[in-house]
Amino acid sequence: MNRKQIRLFLSFFILLGAFFLWIGVKILHTANASKSWPTVTGKVVSSSVGTQRGDKGGITYHGEVLYEYVVDGKTLSSHELSFGDYGSNDPSHAREVVNKYPVGTVVTVHYSPSNPEKAVLEPGIIGHTYFVPIFGAIFFTGPLLMFIFAPQSMQRVNNRSDNCE
């Protein structure tokens, strides 16, 4: 690969990383803001362990909790528990979620004042909320550094090989 092809290749990953970094920062901002969102009382209407089969046959388990709440006389529903909630190949996390939110449980729903259909039961930033921005930062920073320094390194290697002849 020549220098131009390498830079084009790296540019793709820089843009991909920048996109995920931007999305991740937006998620962190929204998660942080959710701590001060208005609240209403809601009720869990369904709660179960969901599964999703991957392309290679693996199974991912996640807690599927649906809750209803009323804002300004309108009944709304959501399944979002928190920002950064995740599935796992170990069903124990999903079972914990289902045990924490059984059908009929009265819950405190935190909803976005600008979009009441956006709601969570567990506001704020949790550990898994950092996954997308960290993923984006890695895919942005690594290729960016290679974009900057790889051509110089390639030039040094070419110079050394020219001197050896």
C-alpha atoms as a PDB file:
ATOM      1  CA  MET A   1       0.000   0.000   0.000  1.00  0.00           C
ATOM      2  CA  ASN A   2       1.271   3.450  -0.787  1.00  0.00           C
ATOM      3  CA  ARG A   3       1.048   6.462   1.490  1.00  0.00           C
ATOM      4  CA  LYS A   4      -2.180   7.768  -0.094  1.00  0.00           C
ATOM      5  CA  GLN A   5      -3.943   4.409   0.255  1.00  0.00           C
ATOM      6  CA  ILE A   6      -2.878   4.092   3.884  1.00  0.00           C
ATOM      7  CA  ARG A   7      -4.152   7.584   4.695  1.00  0.00           C
ATOM      8  CA  LEU A   8      -7.457   6.872   2.952  1.00  0.00           C
ATOM      9  CA  PHE A   9      -7.800   3.617   4.902  1.00  0.00           C
ATOM     10  CA  LEU A  10      -6.992   5.352   8.203  1.00  0.00           C
ATOM     11  CA  SER A  11      -9.374   8.228   7.387  1.00  0.00           C
ATOM     12  CA  PHE A  12     -12.262   5.767   7.353  1.00  0.00           C
ATOM     13  CA  PHE A  13     -11.451   4.652  10.919  1.00  0.00           C
ATOM     14  CA  ILE A  14     -10.863   8.234  12.075  1.00  0.00           C
ATOM     15  CA  LEU A  15     -14.326   9.216  10.820  1.00  0.00           C
ATOM     16  CA  LEU A  16     -15.903   6.091  12.302  1.00  0.00           C
ATOM     17  CA  GLY A  17     -14.222   6.787  15.644  1.00  0.00           C
ATOM     18  CA  ALA A  18     -15.268  10.449  15.560  1.00  0.00           C
ATOM     19  CA  PHE A  19     -18.869   9.387  14.914  1.00  0.00           C
ATOM     20  CA  PHE A  20     -18.923   6.950  17.865  1.00  0.00           C
ATOM     21  CA  LEU A  21     -17.130   9.475  20.075  1.00  0.00           C
ATOM     22  CA  TRP A  22     -19.739  12.123  19.216  1.00  0.00           C
ATOM     23  CA  ILE A  23     -22.613   9.694  19.886  1.00  0.00           C
ATOM     24  CA  GLY A  24     -20.960   8.586  23.128  1.00  0.00           C
ATOM     25  CA  VAL A  25     -20.534  12.149  24.393  1.00  0.00           C
ATOM     26  CA  LYS A  26     -24.205  12.831  23.603  1.00  0.00           C
ATOM     27  CA  ILE A  27     -25.185   9.701  25.572  1.00  0.00           C
ATOM     28  CA  LEU A  28     -23.041  10.796  28.544  1.00  0.00           C
ATOM     29  CA  HIS A  29     -24.560  14.281  28.430  1.00  0.00           C
ATOM     30  CA  THR A  30     -28.115  12.924  28.302  1.00  0.00           C
ATOM     31  CA  ALA A  31     -27.395  10.377  31.042  1.00  0.00           C
ATOM     32  CA  ASN A  32     -26.019  13.088  33.292  1.00  0.00           C
ATOM     33  CA  ALA A  33     -28.963  15.385  32.549  1.00  0.00           C
ATOM     34  CA  SER A  34     -31.438  12.590  33.341  1.00  0.00           C
ATOM     35  CA  LYS A  35     -30.617  12.961  37.051  1.00  0.00           C
ATOM     36  CA  SER A  36     -32.556  16.234  37.060  1.00  0.00           C
ATOM     37  CA  TRP A  37     -35.434  15.169  34.791  1.00  0.00           C
ATOM     38  CA  PRO A  38     -38.955  15.371  36.213  1.00  0.00           C
ATOM     39  CA  THR A  39     -40.386  12.177  37.667  1.00  0.00           C
ATOM     40  CA  VAL A  40     -43.742  10.448  37.689  1.00  0.00           C
ATOM     41  CA  THR A  41     -44.957   7.175  39.083  1.00  0.00           C
ATOM     42  CA  GLY A  42     -45.159   4.311  36.646  1.00  0.00           C
ATOM     43  CA  LYS A  43     -45.907   0.612  36.663  1.00  0.00           C
ATOM     44  CA  VAL A  44     -44.080  -2.391  35.194  1.00  0.00           C
ATOM     45  CA  VAL A  45     -46.425  -4.119  32.727  1.00  0.00           C
ATOM     46  CA  SER A  46     -44.086  -6.845  31.505  1.00  0.00           C
ATOM     47  CA  SER A  47     -40.761  -8.239  32.609  1.00  0.00           C
ATOM     48  CA  SER A  48     -38.875 -11.154  31.129  1.00  0.00           C
ATOM     49  CA  VAL A  49     -35.462 -12.431  30.128  1.00  0.00           C
ATOM     50  CA  GLY A  50     -35.022 -11.807  26.415  1.00  0.00           C
ATOM     51  CA  THR A  51     -32.595 -13.614  24.172  1.00  0.00           C
ATOM     52  CA  GLN A  52     -30.948 -12.716  20.925  1.00  0.00           C
ATOM     53  CA  ARG A  53     -29.077 -15.230  18.822  1.00  0.00           C
ATOM     54  CA  GLY A  54     -25.901 -14.000  17.165  1.00  0.00           C
ATOM     55  CA  ASP A  55     -24.609 -14.847  13.699  1.00  0.00           C
ATOM     56  CA  LYS A  56     -22.210 -17.428  15.120  1.00  0.00           C
ATOM     57  CA  GLY A  57     -24.840 -19.115  17.285  1.00  0.00           C
ATOM     58  CA  GLY A  58     -24.053 -17.361  20.556  1.00  0.00           C
ATOM     59  CA  ILE A  59     -26.911 -16.121  22.709  1.00  0.00           C
ATOM     60  CA  THR A  60     -27.141 -12.720  24.392  1.00  0.00           C
ATOM     61  CA  TYR A  61     -29.485 -12.356  27.383  1.00  0.00           C
ATOM     62  CA  HIS A  62     -31.043  -9.078  28.445  1.00  0.00           C
ATOM     63  CA  GLY A  63     -33.752  -7.983  30.821  1.00  0.00           C
ATOM     64  CA  GLU A  64     -36.826  -6.835  28.909  1.00  0.00           C
ATOM     65  CA  VAL A  65     -38.831  -4.570  31.164  1.00  0.00           C
ATOM     66  CA  LEU A  66     -41.755  -2.553  29.814  1.00  0.00           C
ATOM     67  CA  TYR A  67     -43.289   0.098  32.001  1.00  0.00           C
ATOM     68  CA  GLU A  68     -46.087   2.614  31.563  1.00  0.00           C
ATOM     69  CA  TYR A  69     -46.389   6.117  32.941  1.00  0.00           C
ATOM     70  CA  VAL A  70     -48.583   9.166  32.409  1.00  0.00           C
ATOM     71  CA  VAL A  71     -47.346  12.648  31.486  1.00  0.00           C
ATOM     72  CA  ASP A  72     -49.823  15.468  30.866  1.00  0.00           C
ATOM     73  CA  GLY A  73     -52.718  12.987  30.698  1.00  0.00           C
ATOM     74  CA  LYS A  74     -51.028  10.880  28.004  1.00  0.00           C
ATOM     75  CA  THR A  75     -50.119   7.265  28.769  1.00  0.00           C
ATOM     76  CA  LEU A  76     -46.613   6.474  27.565  1.00  0.00           C
ATOM     77  CA  SER A  77     -44.422   3.403  27.754  1.00  0.00           C
ATOM     78  CA  SER A  78     -40.718   2.689  27.645  1.00  0.00           C
ATOM     79  CA  HIS A  79     -38.322  -0.200  28.028  1.00  0.00           C
ATOM     80  CA  GLU A  80     -35.180   1.826  28.800  1.00  0.00           C
ATOM     81  CA  LEU A  81     -33.791   1.062  32.232  1.00  0.00           C
ATOM     82  CA  SER A  82     -30.654   3.216  32.129  1.00  0.00           C
ATOM     83  CA  PHE A  83     -28.133   4.735  29.771  1.00  0.00           C
ATOM     84  CA  GLY A  84     -25.590   2.005  29.177  1.00  0.00           C
ATOM     85  CA  ASP A  85     -27.764  -0.986  29.964  1.00  0.00           C
ATOM     86  CA  TYR A  86     -26.373  -4.078  28.300  1.00  0.00           C
ATOM     87  CA  GLY A  87     -26.933  -7.675  27.306  1.00  0.00           C
ATOM     88  CA  SER A  88     -24.582 -10.501  28.208  1.00  0.00           C
ATOM     89  CA  ASN A  89     -23.876 -14.105  27.305  1.00  0.00           C
ATOM     90  CA  ASP A  90     -24.416 -14.829  31.004  1.00  0.00           C
ATOM     91  CA  PRO A  91     -28.151 -14.791  31.841  1.00  0.00           C
ATOM     92  CA  SER A  92     -27.574 -13.842  35.490  1.00  0.00           C
ATOM     93  CA  HIS A  93     -27.591 -10.069  34.791  1.00  0.00           C
ATOM     94  CA  ALA A  94     -30.864 -10.370  32.868  1.00  0.00           C
ATOM     95  CA  ARG A  95     -32.404 -12.390  35.708  1.00  0.00           C
ATOM     96  CA  GLU A  96     -31.287  -9.730  38.217  1.00  0.00           C
ATOM     97  CA  VAL A  97     -33.050  -7.067  36.138  1.00  0.00           C
ATOM     98  CA  VAL A  98     -36.242  -9.137  35.926  1.00  0.00           C
ATOM     99  CA  ASN A  99     -36.128  -9.853  39.673  1.00  0.00           C
ATOM    100  CA  LYS A 100     -35.646  -6.156  40.407  1.00  0.00           C
ATOM    101  CA  TYR A 101     -38.589  -5.131  38.203  1.00  0.00           C
ATOM    102  CA  PRO A 102     -41.311  -7.814  38.363  1.00  0.00           C
ATOM    103  CA  VAL A 103     -44.696  -7.196  36.717  1.00  0.00           C
ATOM    104  CA  GLY A 104     -46.854  -4.881  38.808  1.00  0.00           C
ATOM    105  CA  THR A 105     -43.957  -3.080  40.493  1.00  0.00           C
ATOM    106  CA  VAL A 106     -44.550   0.637  41.018  1.00  0.00           C
ATOM    107  CA  VAL A 107     -41.523   2.541  39.723  1.00  0.00           C
ATOM    108  CA  THR A 108     -40.261   6.100  39.596  1.00  0.00           C
ATOM    109  CA  VAL A 109     -39.906   7.129  35.970  1.00  0.00           C
ATOM    110  CA  HIS A 110     -37.491   9.913  35.006  1.00  0.00           C
ATOM    111  CA  TYR A 111     -38.580  11.468  31.700  1.00  0.00           C
ATOM    112  CA  SER A 112     -37.101  14.094  29.431  1.00  0.00           C
ATOM    113  CA  PRO A 113     -38.968  17.392  29.794  1.00  0.00           C
ATOM    114  CA  SER A 114     -38.447  18.145  26.086  1.00  0.00           C
ATOM    115  CA  ASN A 115     -39.484  14.638  24.971  1.00  0.00           C
ATOM    116  CA  PRO A 116     -41.565  12.778  27.599  1.00  0.00           C
ATOM    117  CA  GLU A 117     -41.406   9.582  25.517  1.00  0.00           C
ATOM    118  CA  LYS A 118     -37.703   9.353  26.433  1.00  0.00           C
ATOM    119  CA  ALA A 119     -37.564   7.890  29.930  1.00  0.00           C
ATOM    120  CA  VAL A 120     -35.427   5.752  32.230  1.00  0.00           C
ATOM    121  CA  LEU A 121     -35.862   4.087  35.591  1.00  0.00           C
ATOM    122  CA  GLU A 122     -32.222   4.482  36.642  1.00  0.00           C
ATOM    123  CA  PRO A 123     -30.985   7.975  35.772  1.00  0.00           C
ATOM    124  CA  GLY A 124     -27.398   9.149  35.597  1.00  0.00           C
ATOM    125  CA  ILE A 125     -24.149   7.686  34.350  1.00  0.00           C
ATOM    126  CA  ILE A 126     -23.324   4.065  35.126  1.00  0.00           C
ATOM    127  CA  GLY A 127     -20.136   2.212  34.222  1.00  0.00           C
ATOM    128  CA  HIS A 128     -21.423   0.820  30.925  1.00  0.00           C
ATOM    129  CA  THR A 129     -22.417   4.313  29.773  1.00  0.00           C
ATOM    130  CA  TYR A 130     -18.741   4.915  29.029  1.00  0.00           C
ATOM    131  CA  PHE A 131     -18.476   2.056  26.514  1.00  0.00           C
ATOM    132  CA  VAL A 132     -19.480   3.977  23.358  1.00  0.00           C
ATOM    133  CA  PRO A 133     -17.341   7.071  23.989  1.00  0.00           C
ATOM    134  CA  ILE A 134     -14.303   4.973  24.931  1.00  0.00           C
ATOM    135  CA  PHE A 135     -14.810   2.802  21.844  1.00  0.00           C
ATOM    136  CA  GLY A 136     -15.047   5.970  19.743  1.00  0.00           C
ATOM    137  CA  ALA A 137     -11.982   7.532  21.357  1.00  0.00           C
ATOM    138  CA  ILE A 138      -9.900   4.432  20.632  1.00  0.00           C
ATOM    139  CA  PHE A 139     -11.066   4.227  17.023  1.00  0.00           C
ATOM    140  CA  PHE A 140     -10.422   7.948  16.611  1.00  0.00           C
ATOM    141  CA  THR A 141      -7.109   8.393  18.408  1.00  0.00           C
ATOM    142  CA  GLY A 142      -5.275   5.252  17.262  1.00  0.00           C
ATOM    143  CA  PRO A 143      -5.826   5.776  13.525  1.00  0.00           C
ATOM    144  CA  LEU A 144      -5.247   9.527  13.898  1.00  0.00           C
ATOM    145  CA  LEU A 145      -1.828   8.910  15.415  1.00  0.00           C
ATOM    146  CA  MET A 146      -1.043   6.404  12.675  1.00  0.00           C
ATOM    147  CA  PHE A 147      -2.267   8.915  10.079  1.00  0.00           C
ATOM    148  CA  ILE A 148       0.161  11.488  11.463  1.00  0.00           C
ATOM    149  CA  PHE A 149       3.183   9.293  12.168  1.00  0.00           C
ATOM    150  CA  ALA A 150       2.947   6.315   9.763  1.00  0.00           C
ATOM    151  CA  PRO A 151       4.062   8.239   6.657  1.00  0.00           C
ATOM    152  CA  GLN A 152       7.130   9.504   8.524  1.00  0.00           C
ATOM    153  CA  SER A 153       7.943   5.980   9.709  1.00  0.00           C
ATOM    154  CA  MET A 154       7.459   4.607   6.210  1.00  0.00           C
ATOM    155  CA  GLN A 155       9.816   7.270   4.869  1.00  0.00           C
ATOM    156  CA  ARG A 156      12.476   6.311   7.431  1.00  0.00           C
ATOM    157  CA  VAL A 157      12.132   2.631   6.520  1.00  0.00           C
ATOM    158  CA  ASN A 158      12.381   3.453   2.817  1.00  0.00           C
ATOM    159  CA  ASN A 159      15.455   5.602   3.456  1.00  0.00           C
ATOM    160  CA  ARG A 160      17.109   2.795   5.430  1.00  0.00           C
ATOM    161  CA  SER A 161      16.384   0.250   2.728  1.00  0.00           C
ATOM    162  CA  ASP A 162      17.756   2.660   0.079  1.00  0.00           C
ATOM    163  CA  ASN A 163      20.954   3.082   2.126  1.00  0.00           C
ATOM    164  CA  CYS A 164      21.383  -0.683   2.442  1.00  0.00           C
ATOM    165  CA  GLU A 165      21.512  -1.182  -1.327  1.00  0.00           C
END
